[in-house]
Amino acid sequence: NITVEAGAQGKVAAEVVAAGAAYGHSELLGGEKINVEFISANPTGPLH
């Protein structure tokens, strides 16, 4: 069970603000080219 110093934990706030919209992004799947097909429909009527 690990307790982190307040200063070390508090740095997270600065890291989030500095990263902005990129916070949470990673290169976990970097280099992978993925196709997501998620609607297959007839062009004969409204989407349901």
All heavy atoms as atom14 arrays in JSON, in Angstrom:
{
  "sequence": "NITVEAGAQGKVAAEVVAAGAAYGHSELLGGEKINVEFISANPTGPLH",
  "atom14_mask": [
    [1, 1, 1, 1, 1, 1, 1, 1, 0, 0, 0, 0, 0, 0],
    [1, 1, 1, 1, 1, 1, 1, 1, 0, 0, 0, 0, 0, 0],
    [1, 1, 1, 1, 1, 1, 1, 0, 0, 0, 0, 0, 0, 0],
    [1, 1, 1, 1, 1, 1, 1, 0, 0, 0, 0, 0, 0, 0],
    [1, 1, 1, 1, 1, 1, 1, 1, 1, 0, 0, 0, 0, 0],
    [1, 1, 1, 1, 1, 0, 0, 0, 0, 0, 0, 0, 0, 0],
    [1, 1, 1, 1, 0, 0, 0, 0, 0, 0, 0, 0, 0, 0],
    [1, 1, 1, 1, 1, 0, 0, 0, 0, 0, 0, 0, 0, 0],
    [1, 1, 1, 1, 1, 1, 1, 1, 1, 0, 0, 0, 0, 0],
    [1, 1, 1, 1, 0, 0, 0, 0, 0, 0, 0, 0, 0, 0],
    [1, 1, 1, 1, 1, 1, 1, 1, 1, 0, 0, 0, 0, 0],
    [1, 1, 1, 1, 1, 1, 1, 0, 0, 0, 0, 0, 0, 0],
    [1, 1, 1, 1, 1, 0, 0, 0, 0, 0, 0, 0, 0, 0],
    [1, 1, 1, 1, 1, 0, 0, 0, 0, 0, 0, 0, 0, 0],
    [1, 1, 1, 1, 1, 1, 1, 1, 1, 0, 0, 0, 0, 0],
    [1, 1, 1, 1, 1, 1, 1, 0, 0, 0, 0, 0, 0, 0],
    [1, 1, 1, 1, 1, 1, 1, 0, 0, 0, 0, 0, 0, 0],
    [1, 1, 1, 1, 1, 0, 0, 0, 0, 0, 0, 0, 0, 0],
    [1, 1, 1, 1, 1, 0, 0, 0, 0, 0, 0, 0, 0, 0],
    [1, 1, 1, 1, 0, 0, 0, 0, 0, 0, 0, 0, 0, 0],
    [1, 1, 1, 1, 1, 0, 0, 0, 0, 0, 0, 0, 0, 0],
    [1, 1, 1, 1, 1, 0, 0, 0, 0, 0, 0, 0, 0, 0],
    [1, 1, 1, 1, 1, 1, 1, 1, 1, 1, 1, 1, 0, 0],
    [1, 1, 1, 1, 0, 0, 0, 0, 0, 0, 0, 0, 0, 0],
    [1, 1, 1, 1, 1, 1, 1, 1, 1, 1, 0, 0, 0, 0],
    [1, 1, 1, 1, 1, 1, 0, 0, 0, 0, 0, 0, 0, 0],
    [1, 1, 1, 1, 1, 1, 1, 1, 1, 0, 0, 0, 0, 0],
    [1, 1, 1, 1, 1, 1, 1, 1, 0, 0, 0, 0, 0, 0],
    [1, 1, 1, 1, 1, 1, 1, 1, 0, 0, 0, 0, 0, 0],
    [1, 1, 1, 1, 0, 0, 0, 0, 0, 0, 0, 0, 0, 0],
    [1, 1, 1, 1, 0, 0, 0, 0, 0, 0, 0, 0, 0, 0],
    [1, 1, 1, 1, 1, 1, 1, 1, 1, 0, 0, 0, 0, 0],
    [1, 1, 1, 1, 1, 1, 1, 1, 1, 0, 0, 0, 0, 0],
    [1, 1, 1, 1, 1, 1, 1, 1, 0, 0, 0, 0, 0, 0],
    [1, 1, 1, 1, 1, 1, 1, 1, 0, 0, 0, 0, 0, 0],
    [1, 1, 1, 1, 1, 1, 1, 0, 0, 0, 0, 0, 0, 0],
    [1, 1, 1, 1, 1, 1, 1, 1, 1, 0, 0, 0, 0, 0],
    [1, 1, 1, 1, 1, 1, 1, 1, 1, 1, 1, 0, 0, 0],
    [1, 1, 1, 1, 1, 1, 1, 1, 0, 0, 0, 0, 0, 0],
    [1, 1, 1, 1, 1, 1, 0, 0, 0, 0, 0, 0, 0, 0],
    [1, 1, 1, 1, 1, 0, 0, 0, 0, 0, 0, 0, 0, 0],
    [1, 1, 1, 1, 1, 1, 1, 1, 0, 0, 0, 0, 0, 0],
    [1, 1, 1, 1, 1, 1, 1, 0, 0, 0, 0, 0, 0, 0],
    [1, 1, 1, 1, 1, 1, 1, 0, 0, 0, 0, 0, 0, 0],
    [1, 1, 1, 1, 0, 0, 0, 0, 0, 0, 0, 0, 0, 0],
    [1, 1, 1, 1, 1, 1, 1, 0, 0, 0, 0, 0, 0, 0],
    [1, 1, 1, 1, 1, 1, 1, 1, 0, 0, 0, 0, 0, 0],
    [1, 1, 1, 1, 1, 1, 1, 1, 1, 1, 0, 0, 0, 0]
  ],
  "atom14_positions": [
    [[0.86, -1.18, 0.0], [0.0, 0.0, 0.0], [0.9, 1.23, 0.0], [1.72, 1.41, 0.92], [-0.91, 0.01, 1.22], [-1.91, -1.13, 1.19], [-2.35, -1.55, 0.12], [-2.26, -1.66, 2.35], [0.0, 0.0, 0.0], [0.0, 0.0, 0.0], [0.0, 0.0, 0.0], [0.0, 0.0, 0.0], [0.0, 0.0, 0.0], [0.0, 0.0, 0.0]],
    [[0.74, 2.07, -1.02], [1.68, 3.17, -1.24], [0.97, 4.5, -1.07], [-0.1, 4.73, -1.65], [2.28, 3.07, -2.66], [2.99, 1.72, -2.82], [3.25, 4.22, -2.93], [3.41, 1.41, -4.26], [0.0, 0.0, 0.0], [0.0, 0.0, 0.0], [0.0, 0.0, 0.0], [0.0, 0.0, 0.0], [0.0, 0.0, 0.0], [0.0, 0.0, 0.0]],
    [[1.58, 5.37, -0.29], [1.07, 6.73, -0.11], [2.0, 7.69, -0.85], [3.22, 7.64, -0.68], [1.01, 7.11, 1.37], [0.16, 6.18, 2.06], [0.45, 8.52, 1.55], [0.0, 0.0, 0.0], [0.0, 0.0, 0.0], [0.0, 0.0, 0.0], [0.0, 0.0, 0.0], [0.0, 0.0, 0.0], [0.0, 0.0, 0.0], [0.0, 0.0, 0.0]],
    [[1.4, 8.52, -1.68], [2.16, 9.45, -2.51], [2.2, 10.82, -1.82], [1.22, 11.25, -1.21], [1.51, 9.57, -3.91], [2.25, 10.59, -4.77], [1.51, 8.21, -4.59], [0.0, 0.0, 0.0], [0.0, 0.0, 0.0], [0.0, 0.0, 0.0], [0.0, 0.0, 0.0], [0.0, 0.0, 0.0], [0.0, 0.0, 0.0], [0.0, 0.0, 0.0]],
    [[3.33, 11.51, -1.91], [3.44, 12.86, -1.36], [2.44, 13.79, -2.03], [2.16, 13.65, -3.23], [4.85, 13.4, -1.56], [5.91, 12.69, -0.73], [7.3, 13.23, -1.02], [7.43, 14.05, -1.96], [8.25, 12.81, -0.33], [0.0, 0.0, 0.0], [0.0, 0.0, 0.0], [0.0, 0.0, 0.0], [0.0, 0.0, 0.0], [0.0, 0.0, 0.0]],
    [[1.9, 14.73, -1.27], [0.91, 15.66, -1.83], [1.46, 16.4, -3.03], [0.76, 16.61, -4.03], [0.48, 16.65, -0.75], [0.0, 0.0, 0.0], [0.0, 0.0, 0.0], [0.0, 0.0, 0.0], [0.0, 0.0, 0.0], [0.0, 0.0, 0.0], [0.0, 0.0, 0.0], [0.0, 0.0, 0.0], [0.0, 0.0, 0.0], [0.0, 0.0, 0.0]],
    [[2.73, 16.8, -2.97], [3.32, 17.52, -4.09], [3.38, 16.69, -5.35], [3.09, 17.16, -6.45], [0.0, 0.0, 0.0], [0.0, 0.0, 0.0], [0.0, 0.0, 0.0], [0.0, 0.0, 0.0], [0.0, 0.0, 0.0], [0.0, 0.0, 0.0], [0.0, 0.0, 0.0], [0.0, 0.0, 0.0], [0.0, 0.0, 0.0], [0.0, 0.0, 0.0]],
    [[3.75, 15.41, -5.19], [3.83, 14.52, -6.35], [2.45, 14.25, -6.92], [2.24, 14.21, -8.14], [4.5, 13.21, -5.95], [0.0, 0.0, 0.0], [0.0, 0.0, 0.0], [0.0, 0.0, 0.0], [0.0, 0.0, 0.0], [0.0, 0.0, 0.0], [0.0, 0.0, 0.0], [0.0, 0.0, 0.0], [0.0, 0.0, 0.0], [0.0, 0.0, 0.0]],
    [[1.45, 14.05, -6.03], [0.09, 13.81, -6.5], [-0.48, 15.06, -7.15], [-1.15, 15.01, -8.18], [-0.79, 13.4, -5.33], [-2.16, 12.86, -5.73], [-2.07, 11.51, -6.4], [-1.83, 10.5, -5.75], [-2.24, 11.47, -7.7], [0.0, 0.0, 0.0], [0.0, 0.0, 0.0], [0.0, 0.0, 0.0], [0.0, 0.0, 0.0], [0.0, 0.0, 0.0]],
    [[-0.19, 16.22, -6.56], [-0.74, 17.46, -7.08], [-0.24, 17.82, -8.45], [-0.9, 18.55, -9.2], [0.0, 0.0, 0.0], [0.0, 0.0, 0.0], [0.0, 0.0, 0.0], [0.0, 0.0, 0.0], [0.0, 0.0, 0.0], [0.0, 0.0, 0.0], [0.0, 0.0, 0.0], [0.0, 0.0, 0.0], [0.0, 0.0, 0.0], [0.0, 0.0, 0.0]],
    [[0.92, 17.29, -8.83], [1.46, 17.58, -10.17], [0.54, 17.07, -11.28], [0.61, 17.55, -12.41], [2.85, 16.95, -10.32], [3.93, 17.66, -9.52], [5.28, 16.98, -9.69], [6.36, 17.66, -8.87], [7.67, 16.96, -8.98], [0.0, 0.0, 0.0], [0.0, 0.0, 0.0], [0.0, 0.0, 0.0], [0.0, 0.0, 0.0], [0.0, 0.0, 0.0]],
    [[-0.3, 16.1, -10.94], [-1.25, 15.57, -11.94], [-2.1, 16.7, -12.51], [-2.36, 16.76, -13.71], [-2.15, 14.48, -11.32], [-3.3, 14.13, -12.26], [-1.32, 13.25, -10.99], [0.0, 0.0, 0.0], [0.0, 0.0, 0.0], [0.0, 0.0, 0.0], [0.0, 0.0, 0.0], [0.0, 0.0, 0.0], [0.0, 0.0, 0.0], [0.0, 0.0, 0.0]],
    [[-2.54, 17.62, -11.63], [-3.4, 18.71, -12.09], [-2.69, 19.55, -13.15], [-3.28, 19.92, -14.18], [-3.81, 19.59, -10.91], [0.0, 0.0, 0.0], [0.0, 0.0, 0.0], [0.0, 0.0, 0.0], [0.0, 0.0, 0.0], [0.0, 0.0, 0.0], [0.0, 0.0, 0.0], [0.0, 0.0, 0.0], [0.0, 0.0, 0.0], [0.0, 0.0, 0.0]],
    [[-1.42, 19.85, -12.9], [-0.65, 20.64, -13.87], [-0.46, 19.87, -15.17], [-0.53, 20.45, -16.27], [0.71, 21.01, -13.28], [0.0, 0.0, 0.0], [0.0, 0.0, 0.0], [0.0, 0.0, 0.0], [0.0, 0.0, 0.0], [0.0, 0.0, 0.0], [0.0, 0.0, 0.0], [0.0, 0.0, 0.0], [0.0, 0.0, 0.0], [0.0, 0.0, 0.0]],
    [[-0.24, 18.56, -15.08], [-0.05, 17.74, -16.28], [-1.32, 17.72, -17.12], [-1.26, 17.78, -18.35], [0.35, 16.33, -15.88], [1.74, 16.24, -15.27], [2.03, 14.88, -14.66], [1.18, 13.97, -14.8], [3.1, 14.72, -14.04], [0.0, 0.0, 0.0], [0.0, 0.0, 0.0], [0.0, 0.0, 0.0], [0.0, 0.0, 0.0], [0.0, 0.0, 0.0]],
    [[-2.47, 17.63, -16.46], [-3.74, 17.63, -17.19], [-3.93, 18.96, -17.91], [-4.27, 19.0, -19.11], [-4.93, 17.38, -16.24], [-6.25, 17.52, -16.99], [-4.83, 16.0, -15.61], [0.0, 0.0, 0.0], [0.0, 0.0, 0.0], [0.0, 0.0, 0.0], [0.0, 0.0, 0.0], [0.0, 0.0, 0.0], [0.0, 0.0, 0.0], [0.0, 0.0, 0.0]],
    [[-3.73, 20.06, -17.2], [-3.93, 21.38, -17.8], [-2.98, 21.6, -18.96], [-3.35, 22.13, -20.01], [-3.77, 22.48, -16.73], [-3.83, 23.87, -17.38], [-4.85, 22.36, -15.67], [0.0, 0.0, 0.0], [0.0, 0.0, 0.0], [0.0, 0.0, 0.0], [0.0, 0.0, 0.0], [0.0, 0.0, 0.0], [0.0, 0.0, 0.0], [0.0, 0.0, 0.0]],
    [[-1.71, 21.18, -18.79], [-0.73, 21.36, -19.86], [-1.08, 20.54, -21.1], [-0.91, 21.0, -22.23], [0.66, 20.97, -19.35], [0.0, 0.0, 0.0], [0.0, 0.0, 0.0], [0.0, 0.0, 0.0], [0.0, 0.0, 0.0], [0.0, 0.0, 0.0], [0.0, 0.0, 0.0], [0.0, 0.0, 0.0], [0.0, 0.0, 0.0], [0.0, 0.0, 0.0]],
    [[-1.59, 19.34, -20.89], [-1.93, 18.47, -22.03], [-3.22, 18.9, -22.71], [-3.4, 18.72, -23.92], [-2.04, 17.02, -21.56], [0.0, 0.0, 0.0], [0.0, 0.0, 0.0], [0.0, 0.0, 0.0], [0.0, 0.0, 0.0], [0.0, 0.0, 0.0], [0.0, 0.0, 0.0], [0.0, 0.0, 0.0], [0.0, 0.0, 0.0], [0.0, 0.0, 0.0]],
    [[-4.17, 19.45, -21.95], [-5.43, 19.9, -22.52], [-6.21, 18.78, -23.18], [-6.41, 17.7, -22.61], [0.0, 0.0, 0.0], [0.0, 0.0, 0.0], [0.0, 0.0, 0.0], [0.0, 0.0, 0.0], [0.0, 0.0, 0.0], [0.0, 0.0, 0.0], [0.0, 0.0, 0.0], [0.0, 0.0, 0.0], [0.0, 0.0, 0.0], [0.0, 0.0, 0.0]],
    [[-6.66, 19.01, -24.42], [-7.48, 18.02, -25.13], [-6.74, 16.72, -25.39], [-7.36, 15.69, -25.67], [-7.97, 18.61, -26.45], [0.0, 0.0, 0.0], [0.0, 0.0, 0.0], [0.0, 0.0, 0.0], [0.0, 0.0, 0.0], [0.0, 0.0, 0.0], [0.0, 0.0, 0.0], [0.0, 0.0, 0.0], [0.0, 0.0, 0.0], [0.0, 0.0, 0.0]],
    [[-5.4, 16.75, -25.29], [-4.62, 15.54, -25.54], [-4.49, 14.66, -24.3], [-3.98, 13.53, -24.39], [-3.23, 15.91, -26.05], [0.0, 0.0, 0.0], [0.0, 0.0, 0.0], [0.0, 0.0, 0.0], [0.0, 0.0, 0.0], [0.0, 0.0, 0.0], [0.0, 0.0, 0.0], [0.0, 0.0, 0.0], [0.0, 0.0, 0.0], [0.0, 0.0, 0.0]],
    [[-4.95, 15.16, -23.13], [-4.81, 14.36, -21.93], [-5.66, 13.09, -22.04], [-6.85, 13.14, -22.38], [-5.22, 15.13, -20.68], [-5.0, 14.34, -19.41], [-3.72, 14.05, -18.96], [-6.08, 13.85, -18.67], [-3.51, 13.31, -17.81], [-5.88, 13.11, -17.52], [-4.6, 12.83, -17.09], [-4.4, 12.08, -15.97], [0.0, 0.0, 0.0], [0.0, 0.0, 0.0]],
    [[-5.05, 11.97, -21.73], [-5.72, 10.69, -21.87], [-5.35, 9.97, -23.15], [-5.59, 8.77, -23.29], [0.0, 0.0, 0.0], [0.0, 0.0, 0.0], [0.0, 0.0, 0.0], [0.0, 0.0, 0.0], [0.0, 0.0, 0.0], [0.0, 0.0, 0.0], [0.0, 0.0, 0.0], [0.0, 0.0, 0.0], [0.0, 0.0, 0.0], [0.0, 0.0, 0.0]],
    [[-4.75, 10.69, -24.1], [-4.31, 10.05, -25.35], [-2.99, 9.32, -25.12], [-2.21, 9.69, -24.24], [-4.15, 11.09, -26.44], [-5.44, 11.65, -26.94], [-5.67, 12.01, -28.24], [-6.63, 11.89, -26.3], [-6.89, 12.46, -28.39], [-7.5, 12.4, -27.21], [0.0, 0.0, 0.0], [0.0, 0.0, 0.0], [0.0, 0.0, 0.0], [0.0, 0.0, 0.0]],
    [[-2.75, 8.3, -25.91], [-1.53, 7.52, -25.77], [-1.15, 6.95, -27.13], [-1.85, 7.15, -28.13], [-1.74, 6.37, -24.78], [-2.61, 5.38, -25.34], [0.0, 0.0, 0.0], [0.0, 0.0, 0.0], [0.0, 0.0, 0.0], [0.0, 0.0, 0.0], [0.0, 0.0, 0.0], [0.0, 0.0, 0.0], [0.0, 0.0, 0.0], [0.0, 0.0, 0.0]],
    [[-0.04, 6.25, -27.15], [0.4, 5.54, -28.35], [0.28, 4.03, -28.15], [1.01, 3.27, -28.78], [1.84, 5.93, -28.69], [1.96, 7.32, -29.3], [1.14, 7.47, -30.59], [1.24, 6.58, -31.46], [0.38, 8.45, -30.69], [0.0, 0.0, 0.0], [0.0, 0.0, 0.0], [0.0, 0.0, 0.0], [0.0, 0.0, 0.0], [0.0, 0.0, 0.0]],
    [[-0.64, 3.64, -27.28], [-0.84, 2.22, -27.0], [-1.06, 1.42, -28.29], [-0.52, 0.33, -28.46], [-2.05, 2.04, -26.07], [-2.47, 0.61, -25.75], [-1.44, -0.03, -24.82], [-3.85, 0.59, -25.1], [0.0, 0.0, 0.0], [0.0, 0.0, 0.0], [0.0, 0.0, 0.0], [0.0, 0.0, 0.0], [0.0, 0.0, 0.0], [0.0, 0.0, 0.0]],
    [[-1.86, 1.97, -29.21], [-2.15, 1.3, -30.48], [-1.48, 2.02, -31.64], [-1.92, 1.91, -32.78], [-3.66, 1.23, -30.69], [-4.47, 0.5, -29.6], [-5.96, 0.55, -29.91], [-4.01, -0.95, -29.46], [0.0, 0.0, 0.0], [0.0, 0.0, 0.0], [0.0, 0.0, 0.0], [0.0, 0.0, 0.0], [0.0, 0.0, 0.0], [0.0, 0.0, 0.0]],
    [[-0.44, 2.78, -31.34], [0.25, 3.52, -32.38], [0.75, 2.6, -33.49], [1.29, 1.52, -33.23], [0.0, 0.0, 0.0], [0.0, 0.0, 0.0], [0.0, 0.0, 0.0], [0.0, 0.0, 0.0], [0.0, 0.0, 0.0], [0.0, 0.0, 0.0], [0.0, 0.0, 0.0], [0.0, 0.0, 0.0], [0.0, 0.0, 0.0], [0.0, 0.0, 0.0]],
    [[0.55, 3.03, -34.73], [0.98, 2.23, -35.88], [-0.07, 1.28, -36.4], [0.07, 0.74, -37.5], [0.0, 0.0, 0.0], [0.0, 0.0, 0.0], [0.0, 0.0, 0.0], [0.0, 0.0, 0.0], [0.0, 0.0, 0.0], [0.0, 0.0, 0.0], [0.0, 0.0, 0.0], [0.0, 0.0, 0.0], [0.0, 0.0, 0.0], [0.0, 0.0, 0.0]],
    [[-1.14, 1.04, -35.62], [-2.2, 0.14, -36.08], [-3.2, 0.89, -36.94], [-3.63, 1.99, -36.6], [-2.94, -0.48, -34.9], [-2.17, -1.58, -34.19], [-3.07, -2.44, -33.32], [-4.19, -2.78, -33.77], [-2.66, -2.76, -32.2], [0.0, 0.0, 0.0], [0.0, 0.0, 0.0], [0.0, 0.0, 0.0], [0.0, 0.0, 0.0], [0.0, 0.0, 0.0]],
    [[-3.56, 0.28, -38.05], [-4.55, 0.86, -38.95], [-5.82, 0.01, -38.82], [-5.83, -1.16, -39.18], [-4.04, 0.86, -40.39], [-4.87, 1.67, -41.35], [-4.23, 1.73, -42.73], [-5.11, 2.55, -43.69], [-4.52, 2.6, -45.05], [0.0, 0.0, 0.0], [0.0, 0.0, 0.0], [0.0, 0.0, 0.0], [0.0, 0.0, 0.0], [0.0, 0.0, 0.0]],
    [[-6.88, 0.61, -38.27], [-8.08, -0.14, -37.91], [-9.3, 0.38, -38.67], [-9.53, 1.59, -38.75], [-8.34, -0.05, -36.39], [-7.15, -0.58, -35.61], [-9.61, -0.8, -36.01], [-7.28, -0.48, -34.11], [0.0, 0.0, 0.0], [0.0, 0.0, 0.0], [0.0, 0.0, 0.0], [0.0, 0.0, 0.0], [0.0, 0.0, 0.0], [0.0, 0.0, 0.0]],
    [[-10.06, -0.55, -39.23], [-11.32, -0.22, -39.89], [-12.47, -0.6, -38.97], [-12.54, -1.74, -38.49], [-11.45, -0.98, -41.21], [-12.74, -0.67, -41.96], [-13.8, -1.14, -41.59], [-12.63, 0.08, -43.03], [0.0, 0.0, 0.0], [0.0, 0.0, 0.0], [0.0, 0.0, 0.0], [0.0, 0.0, 0.0], [0.0, 0.0, 0.0], [0.0, 0.0, 0.0]],
    [[-13.35, 0.35, -38.7], [-14.53, 0.08, -37.87], [-15.77, 0.23, -38.75], [-16.12, 1.34, -39.16], [-14.62, 1.03, -36.67], [-15.78, 0.62, -35.76], [-13.32, 1.03, -35.88], [0.0, 0.0, 0.0], [0.0, 0.0, 0.0], [0.0, 0.0, 0.0], [0.0, 0.0, 0.0], [0.0, 0.0, 0.0], [0.0, 0.0, 0.0], [0.0, 0.0, 0.0]],
    [[-16.41, -0.89, -39.07], [-17.65, -0.87, -39.84], [-18.8, -1.03, -38.86], [-18.95, -2.08, -38.24], [-17.66, -2.0, -40.87], [-18.95, -2.08, -41.68], [-19.22, -3.48, -42.21], [-18.25, -4.17, -42.58], [-20.39, -3.88, -42.22], [0.0, 0.0, 0.0], [0.0, 0.0, 0.0], [0.0, 0.0, 0.0], [0.0, 0.0, 0.0], [0.0, 0.0, 0.0]],
    [[-19.6, 0.03, -38.71], [-20.59, -0.06, -37.65], [-22.0, 0.29, -38.04], [-22.88, 0.31, -37.19], [-20.15, 0.74, -36.42], [-19.87, 2.21, -36.62], [-20.82, 3.17, -36.32], [-18.63, 2.64, -37.07], [-20.56, 4.51, -36.46], [-18.35, 3.98, -37.2], [-19.31, 4.92, -36.91], [0.0, 0.0, 0.0], [0.0, 0.0, 0.0], [0.0, 0.0, 0.0]],
    [[-22.25, 0.55, -39.29], [-23.64, 0.54, -39.76], [-23.63, -0.09, -41.14], [-22.84, 0.29, -42.01], [-24.27, 1.95, -39.84], [-24.35, 2.58, -38.45], [-25.67, 1.86, -40.44], [-25.06, 3.92, -38.41], [0.0, 0.0, 0.0], [0.0, 0.0, 0.0], [0.0, 0.0, 0.0], [0.0, 0.0, 0.0], [0.0, 0.0, 0.0], [0.0, 0.0, 0.0]],
    [[-24.48, -1.07, -41.31], [-24.68, -1.7, -42.62], [-26.18, -1.63, -42.88], [-26.97, -2.27, -42.19], [-24.2, -3.15, -42.59], [-24.45, -3.78, -43.82], [0.0, 0.0, 0.0], [0.0, 0.0, 0.0], [0.0, 0.0, 0.0], [0.0, 0.0, 0.0], [0.0, 0.0, 0.0], [0.0, 0.0, 0.0], [0.0, 0.0, 0.0], [0.0, 0.0, 0.0]],
    [[-26.56, -0.82, -43.86], [-28.0, -0.57, -44.05], [-28.36, -0.48, -45.52], [-27.53, -0.13, -46.37], [-28.39, 0.73, -43.34], [0.0, 0.0, 0.0], [0.0, 0.0, 0.0], [0.0, 0.0, 0.0], [0.0, 0.0, 0.0], [0.0, 0.0, 0.0], [0.0, 0.0, 0.0], [0.0, 0.0, 0.0], [0.0, 0.0, 0.0], [0.0, 0.0, 0.0]],
    [[-29.63, -0.79, -45.8], [-30.16, -0.59, -47.15], [-30.44, 0.9, -47.36], [-30.96, 1.55, -46.45], [-31.47, -1.36, -47.34], [-31.28, -2.86, -47.2], [-30.21, -3.39, -47.44], [-32.34, -3.54, -46.81], [0.0, 0.0, 0.0], [0.0, 0.0, 0.0], [0.0, 0.0, 0.0], [0.0, 0.0, 0.0], [0.0, 0.0, 0.0], [0.0, 0.0, 0.0]],
    [[-30.15, 1.43, -48.53], [-30.45, 2.84, -48.79], [-31.89, 3.0, -49.26], [-32.19, 3.74, -50.21], [-29.46, 3.19, -49.9], [-29.33, 1.92, -50.68], [-29.44, 0.81, -49.67], [0.0, 0.0, 0.0], [0.0, 0.0, 0.0], [0.0, 0.0, 0.0], [0.0, 0.0, 0.0], [0.0, 0.0, 0.0], [0.0, 0.0, 0.0], [0.0, 0.0, 0.0]],
    [[-32.8, 2.29, -48.59], [-34.19, 2.24, -49.04], [-35.15, 2.85, -48.03], [-36.36, 2.79, -48.23], [-34.6, 0.78, -49.29], [-34.36, 0.03, -48.1], [-33.81, 0.17, -50.44], [0.0, 0.0, 0.0], [0.0, 0.0, 0.0], [0.0, 0.0, 0.0], [0.0, 0.0, 0.0], [0.0, 0.0, 0.0], [0.0, 0.0, 0.0], [0.0, 0.0, 0.0]],
    [[-34.62, 3.43, -46.95], [-35.5, 4.01, -45.95], [-34.71, 4.68, -44.85], [-33.47, 4.65, -44.84], [0.0, 0.0, 0.0], [0.0, 0.0, 0.0], [0.0, 0.0, 0.0], [0.0, 0.0, 0.0], [0.0, 0.0, 0.0], [0.0, 0.0, 0.0], [0.0, 0.0, 0.0], [0.0, 0.0, 0.0], [0.0, 0.0, 0.0], [0.0, 0.0, 0.0]],
    [[-35.4, 5.26, -43.9], [-34.73, 5.95, -42.79], [-33.97, 4.98, -41.89], [-34.29, 3.78, -41.83], [-35.89, 6.6, -42.02], [-37.05, 6.6, -42.96], [-36.87, 5.41, -43.84], [0.0, 0.0, 0.0], [0.0, 0.0, 0.0], [0.0, 0.0, 0.0], [0.0, 0.0, 0.0], [0.0, 0.0, 0.0], [0.0, 0.0, 0.0], [0.0, 0.0, 0.0]],
    [[-32.98, 5.48, -41.19], [-32.25, 4.69, -40.21], [-33.12, 4.48, -38.98], [-33.85, 5.37, -38.57], [-30.96, 5.39, -39.82], [-29.96, 5.58, -40.97], [-28.81, 6.47, -40.53], [-29.45, 4.25, -41.48], [0.0, 0.0, 0.0], [0.0, 0.0, 0.0], [0.0, 0.0, 0.0], [0.0, 0.0, 0.0], [0.0, 0.0, 0.0], [0.0, 0.0, 0.0]],
    [[-33.04, 3.29, -38.38], [-33.94, 2.95, -37.29], [-33.2, 2.82, -35.95], [-32.01, 3.15, -35.84], [-34.72, 1.67, -37.61], [-33.86, 0.48, -37.93], [-33.01, -0.09, -37.02], [-33.73, -0.26, -39.07], [-32.4, -1.12, -37.56], [-32.81, -1.25, -38.8], [0.0, 0.0, 0.0], [0.0, 0.0, 0.0], [0.0, 0.0, 0.0], [0.0, 0.0, 0.0]]
  ]
}
